[in-house]
């Protein structure tokens, strides 16, 4: 379950250090659990990453080559078409589930 800080969504200002330390620790633990090949890559960042949003790039690839593999791991292979569809579904879900409108659960 997610960590809950005193004050709920609007944690108190005096807890800034606690929240920052929690985020730092969580990120460090998460990164430590990733395969080292993901962390120690010599790959260069394509220039398109500075020009467009990742969603725009994925959508373009999905239109050009929907069946080309975008992501492959030991458990699943995902094409650009599938990835674009999943991204759209996630966007719709976030927009319709009150995650983006600033309100808290009631």
PDB file of N, CA and C in Angstrom:
ATOM      1  N   UNK A   1       0.831  -1.201   0.000  1.00  0.00           N
ATOM      2  CA  UNK A   1       0.000   0.000   0.000  1.00  0.00           C
ATOM      3  C   UNK A   1       0.872   1.260   0.000  1.00  0.00           C
ATOM      4  N   UNK A   2       0.370   2.336  -0.573  1.00  0.00           N
ATOM      5  CA  UNK A   2       1.152   3.565  -0.610  1.00  0.00           C
ATOM      6  C   UNK A   2       1.347   4.158   0.776  1.00  0.00           C
ATOM      7  N   UNK A   3       2.431   4.867   0.938  1.00  0.00           N
ATOM      8  CA  UNK A   3       2.735   5.539   2.204  1.00  0.00           C
ATOM      9  C   UNK A   3       1.782   6.718   2.368  1.00  0.00           C
ATOM     10  N   UNK A   4       1.226   6.878   3.557  1.00  0.00           N
ATOM     11  CA  UNK A   4       0.324   7.987   3.849  1.00  0.00           C
ATOM     12  C   UNK A   4       1.009   8.897   4.852  1.00  0.00           C
ATOM     13  N   UNK A   5       1.020  10.180   4.547  1.00  0.00           N
ATOM     14  CA  UNK A   5       1.629  11.162   5.434  1.00  0.00           C
ATOM     15  C   UNK A   5       0.538  11.942   6.154  1.00  0.00           C
ATOM     16  N   UNK A   6       0.876  12.433   7.353  1.00  0.00           N
ATOM     17  CA  UNK A   6      -0.070  13.213   8.129  1.00  0.00           C
ATOM     18  C   UNK A   6      -0.558  14.385   7.284  1.00  0.00           C
ATOM     19  N   UNK A   7      -1.849  14.597   7.226  1.00  0.00           N
ATOM     20  CA  UNK A   7      -2.423  15.658   6.414  1.00  0.00           C
ATOM     21  C   UNK A   7      -2.981  15.152   5.102  1.00  0.00           C
ATOM     22  N   UNK A   8      -2.807  13.852   4.823  1.00  0.00           N
ATOM     23  CA  UNK A   8      -3.359  13.259   3.608  1.00  0.00           C
ATOM     24  C   UNK A   8      -2.729  13.848   2.353  1.00  0.00           C
ATOM     25  N   UNK A   9      -3.561  14.160   1.387  1.00  0.00           N
ATOM     26  CA  UNK A   9      -3.096  14.679   0.109  1.00  0.00           C
ATOM     27  C   UNK A   9      -2.321  15.984   0.296  1.00  0.00           C
ATOM     28  N   UNK A  10      -2.749  16.807   1.232  1.00  0.00           N
ATOM     29  CA  UNK A  10      -2.094  18.083   1.495  1.00  0.00           C
ATOM     30  C   UNK A  10      -1.239  17.940   2.744  1.00  0.00           C
ATOM     31  N   UNK A  11      -0.097  17.260   2.606  1.00  0.00           N
ATOM     32  CA  UNK A  11       0.755  17.025   3.759  1.00  0.00           C
ATOM     33  C   UNK A  11       1.282  18.356   4.300  1.00  0.00           C
ATOM     34  N   UNK A  12       1.625  18.377   5.553  1.00  0.00           N
ATOM     35  CA  UNK A  12       2.056  19.596   6.219  1.00  0.00           C
ATOM     36  C   UNK A  12       3.454  20.002   5.781  1.00  0.00           C
ATOM     37  N   UNK A  13       3.674  21.304   5.765  1.00  0.00           N
ATOM     38  CA  UNK A  13       4.953  21.838   5.317  1.00  0.00           C
ATOM     39  C   UNK A  13       6.133  21.269   6.100  1.00  0.00           C
ATOM     40  N   UNK A  14       5.940  21.038   7.401  1.00  0.00           N
ATOM     41  CA  UNK A  14       7.046  20.515   8.200  1.00  0.00           C
ATOM     42  C   UNK A  14       7.413  19.081   7.823  1.00  0.00           C
ATOM     43  N   UNK A  15       6.599  18.430   6.998  1.00  0.00           N
ATOM     44  CA  UNK A  15       6.884  17.063   6.575  1.00  0.00           C
ATOM     45  C   UNK A  15       7.606  17.007   5.234  1.00  0.00           C
ATOM     46  N   UNK A  16       7.987  18.153   4.693  1.00  0.00           N
ATOM     47  CA  UNK A  16       8.643  18.177   3.387  1.00  0.00           C
ATOM     48  C   UNK A  16       9.873  17.279   3.384  1.00  0.00           C
ATOM     49  N   UNK A  17      10.681  17.347   4.416  1.00  0.00           N
ATOM     50  CA  UNK A  17      11.894  16.526   4.460  1.00  0.00           C
ATOM     51  C   UNK A  17      11.558  15.044   4.547  1.00  0.00           C
ATOM     52  N   UNK A  18      10.545  14.698   5.310  1.00  0.00           N
ATOM     53  CA  UNK A  18      10.138  13.294   5.418  1.00  0.00           C
ATOM     54  C   UNK A  18       9.653  12.781   4.063  1.00  0.00           C
ATOM     55  N   UNK A  19       8.838  13.585   3.382  1.00  0.00           N
ATOM     56  CA  UNK A  19       8.322  13.185   2.073  1.00  0.00           C
ATOM     57  C   UNK A  19       9.468  13.069   1.072  1.00  0.00           C
ATOM     58  N   UNK A  20      10.364  14.053   1.052  1.00  0.00           N
ATOM     59  CA  UNK A  20      11.495  14.030   0.118  1.00  0.00           C
ATOM     60  C   UNK A  20      12.397  12.822   0.376  1.00  0.00           C
ATOM     61  N   UNK A  21      12.670  12.519   1.633  1.00  0.00           N
ATOM     62  CA  UNK A  21      13.495  11.357   1.958  1.00  0.00           C
ATOM     63  C   UNK A  21      12.814  10.061   1.553  1.00  0.00           C
ATOM     64  N   UNK A  22      11.498   9.994   1.747  1.00  0.00           N
ATOM     65  CA  UNK A  22      10.749   8.802   1.349  1.00  0.00           C
ATOM     66  C   UNK A  22      10.827   8.608  -0.170  1.00  0.00           C
ATOM     67  N   UNK A  23      10.634   9.688  -0.923  1.00  0.00           N
ATOM     68  CA  UNK A  23      10.706   9.609  -2.383  1.00  0.00           C
ATOM     69  C   UNK A  23      12.108   9.184  -2.809  1.00  0.00           C
ATOM     70  N   UNK A  24      13.134   9.775  -2.230  1.00  0.00           N
ATOM     71  CA  UNK A  24      14.520   9.445  -2.563  1.00  0.00           C
ATOM     72  C   UNK A  24      14.809   7.967  -2.287  1.00  0.00           C
ATOM     73  N   UNK A  25      14.422   7.505  -1.111  1.00  0.00           N
ATOM     74  CA  UNK A  25      14.666   6.114  -0.734  1.00  0.00           C
ATOM     75  C   UNK A  25      13.923   5.158  -1.660  1.00  0.00           C
ATOM     76  N   UNK A  26      12.675   5.474  -1.956  1.00  0.00           N
ATOM     77  CA  UNK A  26      11.873   4.624  -2.838  1.00  0.00           C
ATOM     78  C   UNK A  26      12.489   4.550  -4.228  1.00  0.00           C
ATOM     79  N   UNK A  27      12.935   5.693  -4.760  1.00  0.00           N
ATOM     80  CA  UNK A  27      13.572   5.698  -6.077  1.00  0.00           C
ATOM     81  C   UNK A  27      14.866   4.893  -6.073  1.00  0.00           C
ATOM     82  N   UNK A  28      15.672   5.071  -5.039  1.00  0.00           N
ATOM     83  CA  UNK A  28      16.925   4.320  -4.959  1.00  0.00           C
ATOM     84  C   UNK A  28      16.665   2.820  -4.899  1.00  0.00           C
ATOM     85  N   UNK A  29      15.681   2.406  -4.116  1.00  0.00           N
ATOM     86  CA  UNK A  29      15.361   0.981  -4.011  1.00  0.00           C
ATOM     87  C   UNK A  29      14.834   0.439  -5.334  1.00  0.00           C
ATOM     88  N   UNK A  30      14.004   1.220  -6.001  1.00  0.00           N
ATOM     89  CA  UNK A  30      13.449   0.793  -7.278  1.00  0.00           C
ATOM     90  C   UNK A  30      14.549   0.668  -8.324  1.00  0.00           C
ATOM     91  N   UNK A  31      15.416   1.665  -8.403  1.00  0.00           N
ATOM     92  CA  UNK A  31      16.510   1.609  -9.368  1.00  0.00           C
ATOM     93  C   UNK A  31      17.454   0.454  -9.079  1.00  0.00           C
ATOM     94  N   UNK A  32      17.690   0.169  -7.800  1.00  0.00           N
ATOM     95  CA  UNK A  32      18.582  -0.929  -7.434  1.00  0.00           C
ATOM     96  C   UNK A  32      18.012  -2.282  -7.856  1.00  0.00           C
ATOM     97  N   UNK A  33      16.689  -2.367  -7.966  1.00  0.00           N
ATOM     98  CA  UNK A  33      16.065  -3.635  -8.328  1.00  0.00           C
ATOM     99  C   UNK A  33      15.995  -3.856  -9.841  1.00  0.00           C
ATOM    100  N   UNK A  34      16.288  -2.827 -10.636  1.00  0.00           N
ATOM    101  CA  UNK A  34      16.233  -2.957 -12.097  1.00  0.00           C
ATOM    102  C   UNK A  34      17.461  -3.696 -12.616  1.00  0.00           C
ATOM    103  N   UNK A  35      17.308  -4.371 -13.748  1.00  0.00           N
ATOM    104  CA  UNK A  35      18.482  -4.996 -14.359  1.00  0.00           C
ATOM    105  C   UNK A  35      19.538  -3.930 -14.669  1.00  0.00           C
ATOM    106  N   UNK A  36      20.778  -4.233 -14.414  1.00  0.00           N
ATOM    107  CA  UNK A  36      21.847  -3.250 -14.612  1.00  0.00           C
ATOM    108  C   UNK A  36      21.955  -2.783 -16.055  1.00  0.00           C
ATOM    109  N   UNK A  37      21.538  -3.604 -17.009  1.00  0.00           N
ATOM    110  CA  UNK A  37      21.628  -3.200 -18.407  1.00  0.00           C
ATOM    111  C   UNK A  37      20.772  -1.966 -18.680  1.00  0.00           C
ATOM    112  N   UNK A  38      19.694  -1.789 -17.926  1.00  0.00           N
ATOM    113  CA  UNK A  38      18.865  -0.610 -18.107  1.00  0.00           C
ATOM    114  C   UNK A  38      19.525   0.637 -17.536  1.00  0.00           C
ATOM    115  N   UNK A  39      20.331   0.465 -16.529  1.00  0.00           N
ATOM    116  CA  UNK A  39      20.950   1.598 -15.858  1.00  0.00           C
ATOM    117  C   UNK A  39      22.276   2.000 -16.472  1.00  0.00           C
ATOM    118  N   UNK A  40      22.981   1.061 -17.065  1.00  0.00           N
ATOM    119  CA  UNK A  40      24.324   1.322 -17.557  1.00  0.00           C
ATOM    120  C   UNK A  40      24.374   1.290 -19.079  1.00  0.00           C
ATOM    121  N   UNK A  41      23.383   1.837 -19.712  1.00  0.00           N
ATOM    122  CA  UNK A  41      23.317   1.818 -21.166  1.00  0.00           C
ATOM    123  C   UNK A  41      24.194   2.921 -21.762  1.00  0.00           C
ATOM    124  N   UNK A  42      24.830   2.610 -22.873  1.00  0.00           N
ATOM    125  CA  UNK A  42      25.608   3.602 -23.613  1.00  0.00           C
ATOM    126  C   UNK A  42      24.781   4.224 -24.737  1.00  0.00           C
ATOM    127  N   UNK A  43      23.496   3.913 -24.773  1.00  0.00           N
ATOM    128  CA  UNK A  43      22.633   4.418 -25.833  1.00  0.00           C
ATOM    129  C   UNK A  43      22.524   5.931 -25.756  1.00  0.00           C
ATOM    130  N   UNK A  44      22.512   6.551 -26.912  1.00  0.00           N
ATOM    131  CA  UNK A  44      22.322   7.998 -26.957  1.00  0.00           C
ATOM    132  C   UNK A  44      20.838   8.300 -27.107  1.00  0.00           C
ATOM    133  N   UNK A  45      20.439   9.436 -26.621  1.00  0.00           N
ATOM    134  CA  UNK A  45      19.038   9.841 -26.702  1.00  0.00           C
ATOM    135  C   UNK A  45      18.786  10.410 -28.093  1.00  0.00           C
ATOM    136  N   UNK A  46      17.840   9.842 -28.836  1.00  0.00           N
ATOM    137  CA  UNK A  46      17.557  10.356 -30.176  1.00  0.00           C
ATOM    138  C   UNK A  46      17.080  11.801 -30.112  1.00  0.00           C
ATOM    139  N   UNK A  47      17.431  12.588 -31.117  1.00  0.00           N
ATOM    140  CA  UNK A  47      17.067  14.009 -31.124  1.00  0.00           C
ATOM    141  C   UNK A  47      15.559  14.215 -31.098  1.00  0.00           C
ATOM    142  N   UNK A  48      14.804  13.246 -31.614  1.00  0.00           N
ATOM    143  CA  UNK A  48      13.348  13.391 -31.624  1.00  0.00           C
ATOM    144  C   UNK A  48      12.800  13.530 -30.201  1.00  0.00           C
ATOM    145  N   UNK A  49      13.513  12.997 -29.208  1.00  0.00           N
ATOM    146  CA  UNK A  49      13.068  13.086 -27.819  1.00  0.00           C
ATOM    147  C   UNK A  49      13.067  14.518 -27.306  1.00  0.00           C
ATOM    148  N   UNK A  50      13.832  15.369 -27.956  1.00  0.00           N
ATOM    149  CA  UNK A  50      13.871  16.779 -27.561  1.00  0.00           C
ATOM    150  C   UNK A  50      12.848  17.606 -28.333  1.00  0.00           C
ATOM    151  N   UNK A  51      12.260  17.006 -29.370  1.00  0.00           N
ATOM    152  CA  UNK A  51      11.363  17.737 -30.261  1.00  0.00           C
ATOM    153  C   UNK A  51       9.890  17.386 -30.073  1.00  0.00           C
ATOM    154  N   UNK A  52       9.602  16.182 -29.594  1.00  0.00           N
ATOM    155  CA  UNK A  52       8.221  15.709 -29.497  1.00  0.00           C
ATOM    156  C   UNK A  52       7.987  15.000 -28.176  1.00  0.00           C
ATOM    157  N   UNK A  53       6.721  14.880 -27.821  1.00  0.00           N
ATOM    158  CA  UNK A  53       6.333  14.077 -26.663  1.00  0.00           C
ATOM    159  C   UNK A  53       6.420  12.604 -27.048  1.00  0.00           C
ATOM    160  N   UNK A  54       6.681  11.754 -26.077  1.00  0.00           N
ATOM    161  CA  UNK A  54       6.788  10.322 -26.354  1.00  0.00           C
ATOM    162  C   UNK A  54       5.480   9.785 -26.938  1.00  0.00           C
ATOM    163  N   UNK A  55       4.360  10.338 -26.500  1.00  0.00           N
ATOM    164  CA  UNK A  55       3.071   9.881 -27.039  1.00  0.00           C
ATOM    165  C   UNK A  55       2.956  10.191 -28.526  1.00  0.00           C
ATOM    166  N   UNK A  56       3.519  11.319 -28.950  1.00  0.00           N
ATOM    167  CA  UNK A  56       3.488  11.664 -30.375  1.00  0.00           C
ATOM    168  C   UNK A  56       4.336  10.699 -31.187  1.00  0.00           C
ATOM    169  N   UNK A  57       5.501  10.344 -30.661  1.00  0.00           N
ATOM    170  CA  UNK A  57       6.393   9.419 -31.355  1.00  0.00           C
ATOM    171  C   UNK A  57       5.753   8.033 -31.459  1.00  0.00           C
ATOM    172  N   UNK A  58       5.188   7.557 -30.355  1.00  0.00           N
ATOM    173  CA  UNK A  58       4.540   6.239 -30.358  1.00  0.00           C
ATOM    174  C   UNK A  58       3.379   6.215 -31.339  1.00  0.00           C
ATOM    175  N   UNK A  59       2.571   7.263 -31.348  1.00  0.00           N
ATOM    176  CA  UNK A  59       1.423   7.319 -32.264  1.00  0.00           C
ATOM    177  C   UNK A  59       1.888   7.319 -33.722  1.00  0.00           C
ATOM    178  N   UNK A  60       2.943   8.057 -34.017  1.00  0.00           N
ATOM    179  CA  UNK A  60       3.477   8.065 -35.390  1.00  0.00           C
ATOM    180  C   UNK A  60       3.951   6.676 -35.804  1.00  0.00           C
ATOM    181  N   UNK A  61       4.691   6.001 -34.916  1.00  0.00           N
ATOM    182  CA  UNK A  61       5.163   4.661 -35.215  1.00  0.00           C
ATOM    183  C   UNK A  61       3.991   3.695 -35.339  1.00  0.00           C
ATOM    184  N   UNK A  62       2.993   3.882 -34.513  1.00  0.00           N
ATOM    185  CA  UNK A  62       1.818   3.003 -34.566  1.00  0.00           C
ATOM    186  C   UNK A  62       1.099   3.147 -35.899  1.00  0.00           C
ATOM    187  N   UNK A  63       1.090   4.353 -36.433  1.00  0.00           N
ATOM    188  CA  UNK A  63       0.448   4.563 -37.736  1.00  0.00           C
ATOM    189  C   UNK A  63       1.294   4.003 -38.869  1.00  0.00           C
ATOM    190  N   UNK A  64       2.622   4.164 -38.760  1.00  0.00           N
ATOM    191  CA  UNK A  64       3.526   3.706 -39.825  1.00  0.00           C
ATOM    192  C   UNK A  64       3.737   2.198 -39.803  1.00  0.00           C
ATOM    193  N   UNK A  65       3.983   1.657 -38.610  1.00  0.00           N
ATOM    194  CA  UNK A  65       4.317   0.240 -38.478  1.00  0.00           C
ATOM    195  C   UNK A  65       3.637  -0.337 -37.240  1.00  0.00           C
ATOM    196  N   UNK A  66       2.328  -0.515 -37.285  1.00  0.00           N
ATOM    197  CA  UNK A  66       1.600  -0.948 -36.090  1.00  0.00           C
ATOM    198  C   UNK A  66       2.012  -2.324 -35.568  1.00  0.00           C
ATOM    199  N   UNK A  67       2.548  -3.172 -36.425  1.00  0.00           N
ATOM    200  CA  UNK A  67       2.915  -4.529 -36.000  1.00  0.00           C
ATOM    201  C   UNK A  67       4.381  -4.682 -35.623  1.00  0.00           C
ATOM    202  N   UNK A  68       5.148  -3.606 -35.701  1.00  0.00           N
ATOM    203  CA  UNK A  68       6.562  -3.658 -35.311  1.00  0.00           C
ATOM    204  C   UNK A  68       6.670  -3.699 -33.799  1.00  0.00           C
ATOM    205  N   UNK A  69       7.551  -4.550 -33.286  1.00  0.00           N
ATOM    206  CA  UNK A  69       7.701  -4.687 -31.840  1.00  0.00           C
ATOM    207  C   UNK A  69       8.320  -3.433 -31.241  1.00  0.00           C
ATOM    208  N   UNK A  70       7.683  -2.937 -30.186  1.00  0.00           N
ATOM    209  CA  UNK A  70       8.159  -1.745 -29.485  1.00  0.00           C
ATOM    210  C   UNK A  70       8.851  -2.120 -28.187  1.00  0.00           C
ATOM    211  N   UNK A  71       8.273  -3.068 -27.465  1.00  0.00           N
ATOM    212  CA  UNK A  71       8.800  -3.512 -26.178  1.00  0.00           C
ATOM    213  C   UNK A  71       8.816  -5.033 -26.138  1.00  0.00           C
ATOM    214  N   UNK A  72       9.926  -5.590 -25.657  1.00  0.00           N
ATOM    215  CA  UNK A  72      10.041  -7.044 -25.538  1.00  0.00           C
ATOM    216  C   UNK A  72      10.726  -7.349 -24.218  1.00  0.00           C
ATOM    217  N   UNK A  73      10.115  -8.244 -23.456  1.00  0.00           N
ATOM    218  CA  UNK A  73      10.787  -8.740 -22.254  1.00  0.00           C
ATOM    219  C   UNK A  73      10.547 -10.239 -22.165  1.00  0.00           C
ATOM    220  N   UNK A  74      10.902 -10.818 -21.060  1.00  0.00           N
ATOM    221  CA  UNK A  74      10.796 -12.267 -20.910  1.00  0.00           C
ATOM    222  C   UNK A  74       9.347 -12.756 -20.906  1.00  0.00           C
ATOM    223  N   UNK A  75       8.404 -11.872 -20.660  1.00  0.00           N
ATOM    224  CA  UNK A  75       7.010 -12.287 -20.492  1.00  0.00           C
ATOM    225  C   UNK A  75       6.081 -11.827 -21.599  1.00  0.00           C
ATOM    226  N   UNK A  76       6.464 -10.780 -22.309  1.00  0.00           N
ATOM    227  CA  UNK A  76       5.507 -10.195 -23.247  1.00  0.00           C
ATOM    228  C   UNK A  76       6.220  -9.472 -24.380  1.00  0.00           C
ATOM    229  N   UNK A  77       5.548  -9.441 -25.530  1.00  0.00           N
ATOM    230  CA  UNK A  77       5.991  -8.654 -26.680  1.00  0.00           C
ATOM    231  C   UNK A  77       4.856  -7.691 -27.006  1.00  0.00           C
ATOM    232  N   UNK A  78       5.176  -6.409 -27.138  1.00  0.00           N
ATOM    233  CA  UNK A  78       4.162  -5.388 -27.385  1.00  0.00           C
ATOM    234  C   UNK A  78       4.533  -4.627 -28.650  1.00  0.00           C
ATOM    235  N   UNK A  79       3.585  -4.530 -29.571  1.00  0.00           N
ATOM    236  CA  UNK A  79       3.822  -3.781 -30.805  1.00  0.00           C
ATOM    237  C   UNK A  79       3.528  -2.302 -30.568  1.00  0.00           C
ATOM    238  N   UNK A  80       3.954  -1.467 -31.529  1.00  0.00           N
ATOM    239  CA  UNK A  80       3.657  -0.040 -31.410  1.00  0.00           C
ATOM    240  C   UNK A  80       2.148   0.205 -31.440  1.00  0.00           C
ATOM    241  N   UNK A  81       1.429  -0.571 -32.225  1.00  0.00           N
ATOM    242  CA  UNK A  81      -0.021  -0.438 -32.261  1.00  0.00           C
ATOM    243  C   UNK A  81      -0.646  -0.743 -30.910  1.00  0.00           C
ATOM    244  N   UNK A  82      -0.197  -1.821 -30.283  1.00  0.00           N
ATOM    245  CA  UNK A  82      -0.709  -2.184 -28.965  1.00  0.00           C
ATOM    246  C   UNK A  82      -0.335  -1.137 -27.915  1.00  0.00           C
ATOM    247  N   UNK A  83       0.903  -0.645 -27.992  1.00  0.00           N
ATOM    248  CA  UNK A  83       1.343   0.348 -27.019  1.00  0.00           C
ATOM    249  C   UNK A  83       0.536   1.637 -27.161  1.00  0.00           C
ATOM    250  N   UNK A  84       0.280   2.068 -28.384  1.00  0.00           N
ATOM    251  CA  UNK A  84      -0.517   3.279 -28.599  1.00  0.00           C
ATOM    252  C   UNK A  84      -1.933   3.092 -28.053  1.00  0.00           C
ATOM    253  N   UNK A  85      -2.508   1.922 -28.282  1.00  0.00           N
ATOM    254  CA  UNK A  85      -3.859   1.648 -27.786  1.00  0.00           C
ATOM    255  C   UNK A  85      -3.886   1.638 -26.259  1.00  0.00           C
ATOM    256  N   UNK A  86      -2.896   1.029 -25.643  1.00  0.00           N
ATOM    257  CA  UNK A  86      -2.833   0.992 -24.176  1.00  0.00           C
ATOM    258  C   UNK A  86      -2.661   2.396 -23.598  1.00  0.00           C
ATOM    259  N   UNK A  87      -1.851   3.219 -24.259  1.00  0.00           N
ATOM    260  CA  UNK A  87      -1.651   4.595 -23.790  1.00  0.00           C
ATOM    261  C   UNK A  87      -2.955   5.386 -23.869  1.00  0.00           C
ATOM    262  N   UNK A  88      -3.714   5.193 -24.946  1.00  0.00           N
ATOM    263  CA  UNK A  88      -5.011   5.872 -25.071  1.00  0.00           C
ATOM    264  C   UNK A  88      -5.961   5.422 -23.968  1.00  0.00           C
ATOM    265  N   UNK A  89      -6.008   4.113 -23.733  1.00  0.00           N
ATOM    266  CA  UNK A  89      -6.902   3.587 -22.698  1.00  0.00           C
ATOM    267  C   UNK A  89      -6.522   4.136 -21.322  1.00  0.00           C
ATOM    268  N   UNK A  90      -5.224   4.221 -21.036  1.00  0.00           N
ATOM    269  CA  UNK A  90      -4.769   4.766 -19.767  1.00  0.00           C
ATOM    270  C   UNK A  90      -5.158   6.234 -19.651  1.00  0.00           C
ATOM    271  N   UNK A  91      -4.987   6.996 -20.711  1.00  0.00           N
ATOM    272  CA  UNK A  91      -5.376   8.400 -20.702  1.00  0.00           C
ATOM    273  C   UNK A  91      -6.856   8.578 -20.440  1.00  0.00           C
ATOM    274  N   UNK A  92      -7.691   7.779 -21.096  1.00  0.00           N
ATOM    275  CA  UNK A  92      -9.134   7.846 -20.868  1.00  0.00           C
ATOM    276  C   UNK A  92      -9.473   7.492 -19.428  1.00  0.00           C
ATOM    277  N   UNK A  93      -8.821   6.463 -18.903  1.00  0.00           N
ATOM    278  CA  UNK A  93      -9.078   6.024 -17.529  1.00  0.00           C
ATOM    279  C   UNK A  93      -8.700   7.114 -16.531  1.00  0.00           C
ATOM    280  N   UNK A  94      -7.540   7.723 -16.719  1.00  0.00           N
ATOM    281  CA  UNK A  94      -7.113   8.792 -15.812  1.00  0.00           C
ATOM    282  C   UNK A  94      -8.060   9.979 -15.881  1.00  0.00           C
ATOM    283  N   UNK A  95      -8.463  10.340 -17.083  1.00  0.00           N
ATOM    284  CA  UNK A  95      -9.353  11.488 -17.245  1.00  0.00           C
ATOM    285  C   UNK A  95     -10.733  11.227 -16.651  1.00  0.00           C
ATOM    286  N   UNK A  96     -11.212  10.010 -16.756  1.00  0.00           N
ATOM    287  CA  UNK A  96     -12.558   9.712 -16.274  1.00  0.00           C
ATOM    288  C   UNK A  96     -12.609   9.312 -14.808  1.00  0.00           C
ATOM    289  N   UNK A  97     -11.463   9.059 -14.195  1.00  0.00           N
ATOM    290  CA  UNK A  97     -11.450   8.559 -12.819  1.00  0.00           C
ATOM    291  C   UNK A  97     -11.061   9.625 -11.799  1.00  0.00           C
ATOM    292  N   UNK A  98     -11.159  10.869 -12.164  1.00  0.00           N
ATOM    293  CA  UNK A  98     -10.918  11.991 -11.258  1.00  0.00           C
ATOM    294  C   UNK A  98      -9.471  12.093 -10.787  1.00  0.00           C
ATOM    295  N   UNK A  99      -8.540  11.507 -11.544  1.00  0.00           N
ATOM    296  CA  UNK A  99      -7.132  11.633 -11.162  1.00  0.00           C
ATOM    297  C   UNK A  99      -6.559  12.978 -11.569  1.00  0.00           C
ATOM    298  N   UNK A 100      -7.151  13.600 -12.568  1.00  0.00           N
ATOM    299  CA  UNK A 100      -6.565  14.797 -13.140  1.00  0.00           C
ATOM    300  C   UNK A 100      -7.335  16.080 -12.821  1.00  0.00           C
ATOM    301  N   UNK A 101      -8.411  15.997 -12.065  1.00  0.00           N
ATOM    302  CA  UNK A 101      -9.207  17.200 -11.877  1.00  0.00           C
ATOM    303  C   UNK A 101      -8.987  17.879 -10.524  1.00  0.00           C
ATOM    304  N   UNK A 102      -8.005  17.451  -9.760  1.00  0.00           N
ATOM    305  CA  UNK A 102      -7.651  18.139  -8.532  1.00  0.00           C
ATOM    306  C   UNK A 102      -8.473  17.801  -7.323  1.00  0.00           C
ATOM    307  N   UNK A 103      -9.492  16.933  -7.460  1.00  0.00           N
ATOM    308  CA  UNK A 103     -10.309  16.570  -6.311  1.00  0.00           C
ATOM    309  C   UNK A 103      -9.753  15.321  -5.639  1.00  0.00           C
ATOM    310  N   UNK A 104     -10.007  15.197  -4.348  1.00  0.00           N
ATOM    311  CA  UNK A 104      -9.595  14.000  -3.632  1.00  0.00           C
ATOM    312  C   UNK A 104     -10.790  13.079  -3.516  1.00  0.00           C
ATOM    313  N   UNK A 105     -10.526  11.836  -3.144  1.00  0.00           N
ATOM    314  CA  UNK A 105     -11.615  10.865  -2.981  1.00  0.00           C
ATOM    315  C   UNK A 105     -12.574  11.283  -1.890  1.00  0.00           C
ATOM    316  N   UNK A 106     -13.823  10.912  -2.085  1.00  0.00           N
ATOM    317  CA  UNK A 106     -14.856  11.287  -1.109  1.00  0.00           C
ATOM    318  C   UNK A 106     -15.494  10.050  -0.534  1.00  0.00           C
TER     319      UNK A 106
END
